[in-house]
Amino acid sequence: MSNSPVRKKYKVVYDRNNCIGAGSCVAIFPRRWIMNNADDKADLVGGKKDEKEMWIFEFTLEELEDFKSSAEVCPVQVIHIYDLESGEKLV
C-alpha cells in the first residue's frame, strides 16, 4: 500500500460560448486564462471542449483558490467549479 497522499481533484467547466470577454478571469489567474485576440473571449489554458461545447479542465487543490476567484469575478458567471469526488458545485 502506498503512503503517498491522495490528491483531491476538481474540475472547471467553462461555457465559452456565453463569455463576453470582460477579461476578469485573465486578470485574476493569467496562468490558466488568456484572451483570444480572434474573438476577444477568454481561453482556458489546458482545457478540452466536450460534446456540449463546454470547456473542461481537471486540477488539484493547488489551483483551487485561483480558479474559484476567477469564477467569482466573472460578470456573466460562465465559469463553474466542481469537486470531482462529491460532485458538489463549489462556484
PDB file of N, CA and C in Angstrom:
ATOM      1  N   MET A   1       0.850  -1.191   0.000  1.00  0.00           N
ATOM      2  CA  MET A   1       0.000   0.000   0.000  1.00  0.00           C
ATOM      3  C   MET A   1       0.883   1.238   0.000  1.00  0.00           C
ATOM      4  N   SER A   2       0.572   2.190  -0.810  1.00  0.00           N
ATOM      5  CA  SER A   2       1.352   3.414  -0.954  1.00  0.00           C
ATOM      6  C   SER A   2       1.083   4.377   0.192  1.00  0.00           C
ATOM      7  N   ASN A   3       2.114   5.082   0.609  1.00  0.00           N
ATOM      8  CA  ASN A   3       1.968   6.093   1.651  1.00  0.00           C
ATOM      9  C   ASN A   3       1.763   7.491   1.075  1.00  0.00           C
ATOM     10  N   SER A   4       1.701   7.607  -0.238  1.00  0.00           N
ATOM     11  CA  SER A   4       1.532   8.925  -0.842  1.00  0.00           C
ATOM     12  C   SER A   4       0.122   9.444  -0.579  1.00  0.00           C
ATOM     13  N   PRO A   5       0.015  10.757  -0.316  1.00  0.00           N
ATOM     14  CA  PRO A   5      -1.317  11.316  -0.037  1.00  0.00           C
ATOM     15  C   PRO A   5      -2.200  11.307  -1.278  1.00  0.00           C
ATOM     16  N   VAL A   6      -3.487  11.151  -1.055  1.00  0.00           N
ATOM     17  CA  VAL A   6      -4.455  11.201  -2.144  1.00  0.00           C
ATOM     18  C   VAL A   6      -4.638  12.670  -2.523  1.00  0.00           C
ATOM     19  N   ARG A   7      -4.518  12.965  -3.801  1.00  0.00           N
ATOM     20  CA  ARG A   7      -4.665  14.338  -4.271  1.00  0.00           C
ATOM     21  C   ARG A   7      -6.102  14.555  -4.706  1.00  0.00           C
ATOM     22  N   LYS A   8      -6.772  15.400  -3.981  1.00  0.00           N
ATOM     23  CA  LYS A   8      -8.170  15.704  -4.290  1.00  0.00           C
ATOM     24  C   LYS A   8      -8.249  16.402  -5.647  1.00  0.00           C
ATOM     25  N   LYS A   9      -9.232  16.020  -6.434  1.00  0.00           N
ATOM     26  CA  LYS A   9      -9.374  16.565  -7.785  1.00  0.00           C
ATOM     27  C   LYS A   9     -10.642  17.403  -7.903  1.00  0.00           C
ATOM     28  N   TYR A  10     -10.510  18.404  -8.746  1.00  0.00           N
ATOM     29  CA  TYR A  10     -11.600  19.325  -9.040  1.00  0.00           C
ATOM     30  C   TYR A  10     -11.670  19.491 -10.550  1.00  0.00           C
ATOM     31  N   LYS A  11     -12.746  20.110 -11.008  1.00  0.00           N
ATOM     32  CA  LYS A  11     -12.788  20.457 -12.425  1.00  0.00           C
ATOM     33  C   LYS A  11     -13.447  21.808 -12.596  1.00  0.00           C
ATOM     34  N   VAL A  12     -12.998  22.493 -13.633  1.00  0.00           N
ATOM     35  CA  VAL A  12     -13.622  23.739 -14.037  1.00  0.00           C
ATOM     36  C   VAL A  12     -14.399  23.430 -15.309  1.00  0.00           C
ATOM     37  N   VAL A  13     -15.604  23.947 -15.389  1.00  0.00           N
ATOM     38  CA  VAL A  13     -16.442  23.822 -16.571  1.00  0.00           C
ATOM     39  C   VAL A  13     -16.706  25.252 -17.043  1.00  0.00           C
ATOM     40  N   TYR A  14     -16.275  25.539 -18.248  1.00  0.00           N
ATOM     41  CA  TYR A  14     -16.319  26.900 -18.781  1.00  0.00           C
ATOM     42  C   TYR A  14     -17.224  26.960 -20.004  1.00  0.00           C
ATOM     43  N   ASP A  15     -18.244  27.786 -19.927  1.00  0.00           N
ATOM     44  CA  ASP A  15     -19.200  27.986 -21.019  1.00  0.00           C
ATOM     45  C   ASP A  15     -18.677  29.124 -21.903  1.00  0.00           C
ATOM     46  N   ARG A  16     -17.729  28.803 -22.770  1.00  0.00           N
ATOM     47  CA  ARG A  16     -17.050  29.808 -23.579  1.00  0.00           C
ATOM     48  C   ARG A  16     -18.004  30.528 -24.534  1.00  0.00           C
ATOM     49  N   ASN A  17     -19.026  29.836 -25.021  1.00  0.00           N
ATOM     50  CA  ASN A  17     -19.973  30.452 -25.958  1.00  0.00           C
ATOM     51  C   ASN A  17     -20.638  31.689 -25.363  1.00  0.00           C
ATOM     52  N   ASN A  18     -20.841  31.706 -24.059  1.00  0.00           N
ATOM     53  CA  ASN A  18     -21.520  32.825 -23.411  1.00  0.00           C
ATOM     54  C   ASN A  18     -20.566  33.812 -22.742  1.00  0.00           C
ATOM     55  N   CYS A  19     -19.278  33.628 -22.939  1.00  0.00           N
ATOM     56  CA  CYS A  19     -18.281  34.572 -22.430  1.00  0.00           C
ATOM     57  C   CYS A  19     -18.463  35.910 -23.151  1.00  0.00           C
ATOM     58  N   ILE A  20     -18.337  37.022 -22.410  1.00  0.00           N
ATOM     59  CA  ILE A  20     -18.461  38.349 -23.025  1.00  0.00           C
ATOM     60  C   ILE A  20     -17.100  39.039 -23.181  1.00  0.00           C
ATOM     61  N   GLY A  21     -16.025  38.358 -22.778  1.00  0.00           N
ATOM     62  CA  GLY A  21     -14.689  38.907 -22.972  1.00  0.00           C
ATOM     63  C   GLY A  21     -14.296  40.007 -22.009  1.00  0.00           C
ATOM     64  N   ALA A  22     -14.850  40.008 -20.816  1.00  0.00           N
ATOM     65  CA  ALA A  22     -14.515  41.037 -19.827  1.00  0.00           C
ATOM     66  C   ALA A  22     -13.045  40.945 -19.398  1.00  0.00           C
ATOM     67  N   GLY A  23     -12.498  39.735 -19.398  1.00  0.00           N
ATOM     68  CA  GLY A  23     -11.093  39.553 -19.047  1.00  0.00           C
ATOM     69  C   GLY A  23     -10.812  39.496 -17.560  1.00  0.00           C
ATOM     70  N   SER A  24     -11.830  39.475 -16.739  1.00  0.00           N
ATOM     71  CA  SER A  24     -11.639  39.419 -15.285  1.00  0.00           C
ATOM     72  C   SER A  24     -10.887  38.157 -14.869  1.00  0.00           C
ATOM     73  N   CYS A  25     -11.231  37.038 -15.479  1.00  0.00           N
ATOM     74  CA  CYS A  25     -10.568  35.773 -15.143  1.00  0.00           C
ATOM     75  C   CYS A  25      -9.081  35.827 -15.483  1.00  0.00           C
ATOM     76  N   VAL A  26      -8.751  36.468 -16.599  1.00  0.00           N
ATOM     77  CA  VAL A  26      -7.359  36.611 -17.026  1.00  0.00           C
ATOM     78  C   VAL A  26      -6.581  37.449 -16.016  1.00  0.00           C
ATOM     79  N   ALA A  27      -7.193  38.512 -15.536  1.00  0.00           N
ATOM     80  CA  ALA A  27      -6.535  39.384 -14.554  1.00  0.00           C
ATOM     81  C   ALA A  27      -6.259  38.643 -13.242  1.00  0.00           C
ATOM     82  N   ILE A  28      -7.179  37.760 -12.857  1.00  0.00           N
ATOM     83  CA  ILE A  28      -7.056  37.021 -11.596  1.00  0.00           C
ATOM     84  C   ILE A  28      -6.093  35.840 -11.713  1.00  0.00           C
ATOM     85  N   PHE A  29      -6.141  35.103 -12.824  1.00  0.00           N
ATOM     86  CA  PHE A  29      -5.395  33.834 -12.945  1.00  0.00           C
ATOM     87  C   PHE A  29      -4.825  33.698 -14.352  1.00  0.00           C
ATOM     88  N   PRO A  30      -3.829  34.525 -14.703  1.00  0.00           N
ATOM     89  CA  PRO A  30      -3.293  34.534 -16.071  1.00  0.00           C
ATOM     90  C   PRO A  30      -2.570  33.255 -16.480  1.00  0.00           C
ATOM     91  N   ARG A  31      -2.246  32.401 -15.534  1.00  0.00           N
ATOM     92  CA  ARG A  31      -1.609  31.135 -15.900  1.00  0.00           C
ATOM     93  C   ARG A  31      -2.583  30.184 -16.594  1.00  0.00           C
ATOM     94  N   ARG A  32      -3.872  30.289 -16.257  1.00  0.00           N
ATOM     95  CA  ARG A  32      -4.880  29.382 -16.834  1.00  0.00           C
ATOM     96  C   ARG A  32      -5.869  30.054 -17.767  1.00  0.00           C
ATOM     97  N   TRP A  33      -5.910  31.389 -17.791  1.00  0.00           N
ATOM     98  CA  TRP A  33      -6.838  32.110 -18.657  1.00  0.00           C
ATOM     99  C   TRP A  33      -6.065  33.093 -19.513  1.00  0.00           C
ATOM    100  N   ILE A  34      -6.325  33.090 -20.813  1.00  0.00           N
ATOM    101  CA  ILE A  34      -5.722  34.063 -21.721  1.00  0.00           C
ATOM    102  C   ILE A  34      -6.807  34.590 -22.655  1.00  0.00           C
ATOM    103  N   MET A  35      -6.623  35.806 -23.124  1.00  0.00           N
ATOM    104  CA  MET A  35      -7.583  36.368 -24.071  1.00  0.00           C
ATOM    105  C   MET A  35      -7.238  35.902 -25.477  1.00  0.00           C
ATOM    106  N   ASN A  36      -8.251  35.532 -26.217  1.00  0.00           N
ATOM    107  CA  ASN A  36      -8.093  35.108 -27.599  1.00  0.00           C
ATOM    108  C   ASN A  36      -8.369  36.326 -28.475  1.00  0.00           C
ATOM    109  N   ASN A  37      -7.349  36.792 -29.181  1.00  0.00           N
ATOM    110  CA  ASN A  37      -7.491  38.001 -29.995  1.00  0.00           C
ATOM    111  C   ASN A  37      -8.448  37.818 -31.180  1.00  0.00           C
ATOM    112  N   ALA A  38      -8.680  36.583 -31.586  1.00  0.00           N
ATOM    113  CA  ALA A  38      -9.553  36.339 -32.735  1.00  0.00           C
ATOM    114  C   ALA A  38     -11.011  36.708 -32.446  1.00  0.00           C
ATOM    115  N   ASP A  39     -11.475  36.438 -31.223  1.00  0.00           N
ATOM    116  CA  ASP A  39     -12.878  36.734 -30.904  1.00  0.00           C
ATOM    117  C   ASP A  39     -13.060  37.482 -29.581  1.00  0.00           C
ATOM    118  N   ASP A  40     -11.948  37.889 -28.969  1.00  0.00           N
ATOM    119  CA  ASP A  40     -11.983  38.646 -27.711  1.00  0.00           C
ATOM    120  C   ASP A  40     -12.714  37.932 -26.577  1.00  0.00           C
ATOM    121  N   LYS A  41     -12.583  36.603 -26.547  1.00  0.00           N
ATOM    122  CA  LYS A  41     -13.103  35.808 -25.435  1.00  0.00           C
ATOM    123  C   LYS A  41     -11.924  35.148 -24.740  1.00  0.00           C
ATOM    124  N   ALA A  42     -12.145  34.720 -23.509  1.00  0.00           N
ATOM    125  CA  ALA A  42     -11.091  34.047 -22.754  1.00  0.00           C
ATOM    126  C   ALA A  42     -10.963  32.592 -23.206  1.00  0.00           C
ATOM    127  N   ASP A  43      -9.731  32.111 -23.219  1.00  0.00           N
ATOM    128  CA  ASP A  43      -9.447  30.695 -23.459  1.00  0.00           C
ATOM    129  C   ASP A  43      -8.950  30.080 -22.163  1.00  0.00           C
ATOM    130  N   LEU A  44      -9.375  28.863 -21.891  1.00  0.00           N
ATOM    131  CA  LEU A  44      -8.943  28.107 -20.729  1.00  0.00           C
ATOM    132  C   LEU A  44      -7.714  27.303 -21.119  1.00  0.00           C
ATOM    133  N   VAL A  45      -6.563  27.691 -20.610  1.00  0.00           N
ATOM    134  CA  VAL A  45      -5.303  27.035 -20.949  1.00  0.00           C
ATOM    135  C   VAL A  45      -5.334  25.596 -20.427  1.00  0.00           C
ATOM    136  N   GLY A  46      -5.185  24.634 -21.327  1.00  0.00           N
ATOM    137  CA  GLY A  46      -5.213  23.221 -20.972  1.00  0.00           C
ATOM    138  C   GLY A  46      -6.591  22.597 -21.059  1.00  0.00           C
ATOM    139  N   GLY A  47      -7.614  23.418 -21.280  1.00  0.00           N
ATOM    140  CA  GLY A  47      -8.989  22.919 -21.335  1.00  0.00           C
ATOM    141  C   GLY A  47      -9.288  22.177 -22.625  1.00  0.00           C
ATOM    142  N   LYS A  48     -10.239  21.269 -22.549  1.00  0.00           N
ATOM    143  CA  LYS A  48     -10.699  20.499 -23.704  1.00  0.00           C
ATOM    144  C   LYS A  48     -12.195  20.690 -23.869  1.00  0.00           C
ATOM    145  N   LYS A  49     -12.632  20.878 -25.113  1.00  0.00           N
ATOM    146  CA  LYS A  49     -14.059  21.081 -25.391  1.00  0.00           C
ATOM    147  C   LYS A  49     -14.780  19.737 -25.398  1.00  0.00           C
ATOM    148  N   ASP A  50     -15.934  19.675 -24.716  1.00  0.00           N
ATOM    149  CA  ASP A  50     -16.722  18.441 -24.701  1.00  0.00           C
ATOM    150  C   ASP A  50     -17.825  18.508 -25.750  1.00  0.00           C
ATOM    151  N   GLU A  51     -18.673  17.502 -25.768  1.00  0.00           N
ATOM    152  CA  GLU A  51     -19.728  17.405 -26.776  1.00  0.00           C
ATOM    153  C   GLU A  51     -20.813  18.466 -26.603  1.00  0.00           C
ATOM    154  N   LYS A  52     -20.874  19.108 -25.443  1.00  0.00           N
ATOM    155  CA  LYS A  52     -21.872  20.154 -25.197  1.00  0.00           C
ATOM    156  C   LYS A  52     -21.291  21.547 -25.403  1.00  0.00           C
ATOM    157  N   GLU A  53     -20.116  21.622 -26.037  1.00  0.00           N
ATOM    158  CA  GLU A  53     -19.445  22.903 -26.302  1.00  0.00           C
ATOM    159  C   GLU A  53     -18.970  23.588 -25.023  1.00  0.00           C
ATOM    160  N   MET A  54     -18.789  22.827 -23.949  1.00  0.00           N
ATOM    161  CA  MET A  54     -18.242  23.363 -22.706  1.00  0.00           C
ATOM    162  C   MET A  54     -16.759  23.007 -22.665  1.00  0.00           C
ATOM    163  N   TRP A  55     -15.961  23.851 -22.053  1.00  0.00           N
ATOM    164  CA  TRP A  55     -14.537  23.602 -21.888  1.00  0.00           C
ATOM    165  C   TRP A  55     -14.307  23.055 -20.491  1.00  0.00           C
ATOM    166  N   ILE A  56     -13.582  21.934 -20.403  1.00  0.00           N
ATOM    167  CA  ILE A  56     -13.381  21.213 -19.148  1.00  0.00           C
ATOM    168  C   ILE A  56     -11.884  21.132 -18.851  1.00  0.00           C
ATOM    169  N   PHE A  57     -11.539  21.302 -17.580  1.00  0.00           N
ATOM    170  CA  PHE A  57     -10.157  21.124 -17.152  1.00  0.00           C
ATOM    171  C   PHE A  57     -10.159  20.594 -15.721  1.00  0.00           C
ATOM    172  N   GLU A  58      -9.442  19.489 -15.491  1.00  0.00           N
ATOM    173  CA  GLU A  58      -9.318  18.928 -14.147  1.00  0.00           C
ATOM    174  C   GLU A  58      -8.038  19.438 -13.509  1.00  0.00           C
ATOM    175  N   PHE A  59      -8.115  19.696 -12.201  1.00  0.00           N
ATOM    176  CA  PHE A  59      -6.967  20.244 -11.489  1.00  0.00           C
ATOM    177  C   PHE A  59      -6.983  19.780 -10.037  1.00  0.00           C
ATOM    178  N   THR A  60      -5.937  20.119  -9.302  1.00  0.00           N
ATOM    179  CA  THR A  60      -5.819  19.704  -7.905  1.00  0.00           C
ATOM    180  C   THR A  60      -5.945  20.913  -6.982  1.00  0.00           C
ATOM    181  N   LEU A  61      -5.872  20.650  -5.697  1.00  0.00           N
ATOM    182  CA  LEU A  61      -6.064  21.659  -4.662  1.00  0.00           C
ATOM    183  C   LEU A  61      -5.172  22.883  -4.840  1.00  0.00           C
ATOM    184  N   GLU A  62      -3.991  22.700  -5.393  1.00  0.00           N
ATOM    185  CA  GLU A  62      -3.049  23.810  -5.554  1.00  0.00           C
ATOM    186  C   GLU A  62      -3.634  24.972  -6.365  1.00  0.00           C
ATOM    187  N   GLU A  63      -4.532  24.679  -7.279  1.00  0.00           N
ATOM    188  CA  GLU A  63      -5.114  25.732  -8.120  1.00  0.00           C
ATOM    189  C   GLU A  63      -6.545  26.102  -7.739  1.00  0.00           C
ATOM    190  N   LEU A  64      -7.081  25.477  -6.715  1.00  0.00           N
ATOM    191  CA  LEU A  64      -8.495  25.671  -6.369  1.00  0.00           C
ATOM    192  C   LEU A  64      -8.838  27.129  -6.069  1.00  0.00           C
ATOM    193  N   GLU A  65      -8.091  27.785  -5.218  1.00  0.00           N
ATOM    194  CA  GLU A  65      -8.436  29.155  -4.842  1.00  0.00           C
ATOM    195  C   GLU A  65      -8.372  30.105  -6.035  1.00  0.00           C
ATOM    196  N   ASP A  66      -7.364  29.928  -6.904  1.00  0.00           N
ATOM    197  CA  ASP A  66      -7.258  30.783  -8.088  1.00  0.00           C
ATOM    198  C   ASP A  66      -8.425  30.554  -9.050  1.00  0.00           C
ATOM    199  N   PHE A  67      -8.807  29.284  -9.251  1.00  0.00           N
ATOM    200  CA  PHE A  67      -9.958  29.016 -10.120  1.00  0.00           C
ATOM    201  C   PHE A  67     -11.254  29.557  -9.499  1.00  0.00           C
ATOM    202  N   LYS A  68     -11.424  29.377  -8.192  1.00  0.00           N
ATOM    203  CA  LYS A  68     -12.622  29.908  -7.535  1.00  0.00           C
ATOM    204  C   LYS A  68     -12.687  31.427  -7.679  1.00  0.00           C
ATOM    205  N   SER A  69     -11.561  32.093  -7.487  1.00  0.00           N
ATOM    206  CA  SER A  69     -11.534  33.551  -7.611  1.00  0.00           C
ATOM    207  C   SER A  69     -11.874  33.990  -9.024  1.00  0.00           C
ATOM    208  N   SER A  70     -11.335  33.286 -10.016  1.00  0.00           N
ATOM    209  CA  SER A  70     -11.631  33.663 -11.403  1.00  0.00           C
ATOM    210  C   SER A  70     -13.107  33.440 -11.727  1.00  0.00           C
ATOM    211  N   ALA A  71     -13.711  32.412 -11.158  1.00  0.00           N
ATOM    212  CA  ALA A  71     -15.145  32.172 -11.369  1.00  0.00           C
ATOM    213  C   ALA A  71     -15.981  33.250 -10.688  1.00  0.00           C
ATOM    214  N   GLU A  72     -15.583  33.642  -9.495  1.00  0.00           N
ATOM    215  CA  GLU A  72     -16.363  34.617  -8.722  1.00  0.00           C
ATOM    216  C   GLU A  72     -16.356  36.009  -9.348  1.00  0.00           C
ATOM    217  N   VAL A  73     -15.290  36.384 -10.070  1.00  0.00           N
ATOM    218  CA  VAL A  73     -15.234  37.719 -10.674  1.00  0.00           C
ATOM    219  C   VAL A  73     -15.853  37.772 -12.067  1.00  0.00           C
ATOM    220  N   CYS A  74     -16.209  36.639 -12.627  1.00  0.00           N
ATOM    221  CA  CYS A  74     -16.794  36.617 -13.963  1.00  0.00           C
ATOM    222  C   CYS A  74     -18.163  37.297 -13.935  1.00  0.00           C
ATOM    223  N   PRO A  75     -18.347  38.371 -14.716  1.00  0.00           N
ATOM    224  CA  PRO A  75     -19.616  39.106 -14.660  1.00  0.00           C
ATOM    225  C   PRO A  75     -20.811  38.339 -15.224  1.00  0.00           C
ATOM    226  N   VAL A  76     -20.570  37.314 -16.027  1.00  0.00           N
ATOM    227  CA  VAL A  76     -21.681  36.550 -16.596  1.00  0.00           C
ATOM    228  C   VAL A  76     -21.733  35.113 -16.068  1.00  0.00           C
ATOM    229  N   GLN A  77     -20.917  34.815 -15.085  1.00  0.00           N
ATOM    230  CA  GLN A  77     -20.928  33.520 -14.386  1.00  0.00           C
ATOM    231  C   GLN A  77     -20.900  32.316 -15.325  1.00  0.00           C
ATOM    232  N   VAL A  78     -19.911  32.302 -16.216  1.00  0.00           N
ATOM    233  CA  VAL A  78     -19.777  31.180 -17.146  1.00  0.00           C
ATOM    234  C   VAL A  78     -18.664  30.200 -16.737  1.00  0.00           C
ATOM    235  N   ILE A  79     -18.074  30.426 -15.565  1.00  0.00           N
ATOM    236  CA  ILE A  79     -17.020  29.551 -15.044  1.00  0.00           C
ATOM    237  C   ILE A  79     -17.572  28.854 -13.808  1.00  0.00           C
ATOM    238  N   HIS A  80     -17.565  27.517 -13.830  1.00  0.00           N
ATOM    239  CA  HIS A  80     -18.130  26.727 -12.737  1.00  0.00           C
ATOM    240  C   HIS A  80     -17.072  25.754 -12.224  1.00  0.00           C
ATOM    241  N   ILE A  81     -16.996  25.609 -10.896  1.00  0.00           N
ATOM    242  CA  ILE A  81     -16.001  24.752 -10.260  1.00  0.00           C
ATOM    243  C   ILE A  81     -16.727  23.629  -9.517  1.00  0.00           C
ATOM    244  N   TYR A  82     -16.254  22.390  -9.725  1.00  0.00           N
ATOM    245  CA  TYR A  82     -16.858  21.218  -9.094  1.00  0.00           C
ATOM    246  C   TYR A  82     -15.808  20.387  -8.361  1.00  0.00           C
ATOM    247  N   ASP A  83     -16.218  19.779  -7.260  1.00  0.00           N
ATOM    248  CA  ASP A  83     -15.417  18.786  -6.552  1.00  0.00           C
ATOM    249  C   ASP A  83     -15.707  17.451  -7.242  1.00  0.00           C
ATOM    250  N   LEU A  84     -14.690  16.824  -7.807  1.00  0.00           N
ATOM    251  CA  LEU A  84     -14.925  15.589  -8.563  1.00  0.00           C
ATOM    252  C   LEU A  84     -15.331  14.414  -7.663  1.00  0.00           C
ATOM    253  N   GLU A  85     -14.873  14.406  -6.426  1.00  0.00           N
ATOM    254  CA  GLU A  85     -15.185  13.310  -5.533  1.00  0.00           C
ATOM    255  C   GLU A  85     -16.652  13.323  -5.122  1.00  0.00           C
ATOM    256  N   SER A  86     -17.148  14.483  -4.721  1.00  0.00           N
ATOM    257  CA  SER A  86     -18.520  14.573  -4.225  1.00  0.00           C
ATOM    258  C   SER A  86     -19.522  14.995  -5.305  1.00  0.00           C
ATOM    259  N   GLY A  87     -19.011  15.618  -6.389  1.00  0.00           N
ATOM    260  CA  GLY A  87     -19.892  16.142  -7.413  1.00  0.00           C
ATOM    261  C   GLY A  87     -20.458  17.510  -7.066  1.00  0.00           C
ATOM    262  N   GLU A  88     -20.112  18.020  -5.871  1.00  0.00           N
ATOM    263  CA  GLU A  88     -20.629  19.304  -5.396  1.00  0.00           C
ATOM    264  C   GLU A  88     -20.115  20.458  -6.231  1.00  0.00           C
ATOM    265  N   LYS A  89     -21.013  21.356  -6.571  1.00  0.00           N
ATOM    266  CA  LYS A  89     -20.626  22.585  -7.274  1.00  0.00           C
ATOM    267  C   LYS A  89     -20.140  23.577  -6.221  1.00  0.00           C
ATOM    268  N   LEU A  90     -18.905  24.051  -6.377  1.00  0.00           N
ATOM    269  CA  LEU A  90     -18.319  24.967  -5.420  1.00  0.00           C
ATOM    270  C   LEU A  90     -18.565  26.422  -5.789  1.00  0.00           C
ATOM    271  N   VAL A  91     -18.583  26.710  -7.080  1.00  0.00           N
ATOM    272  CA  VAL A  91     -18.863  28.061  -7.588  1.00  0.00           C
ATOM    273  C   VAL A  91     -19.655  27.899  -8.863  1.00  0.00           C
TER     274      VAL A  91
END
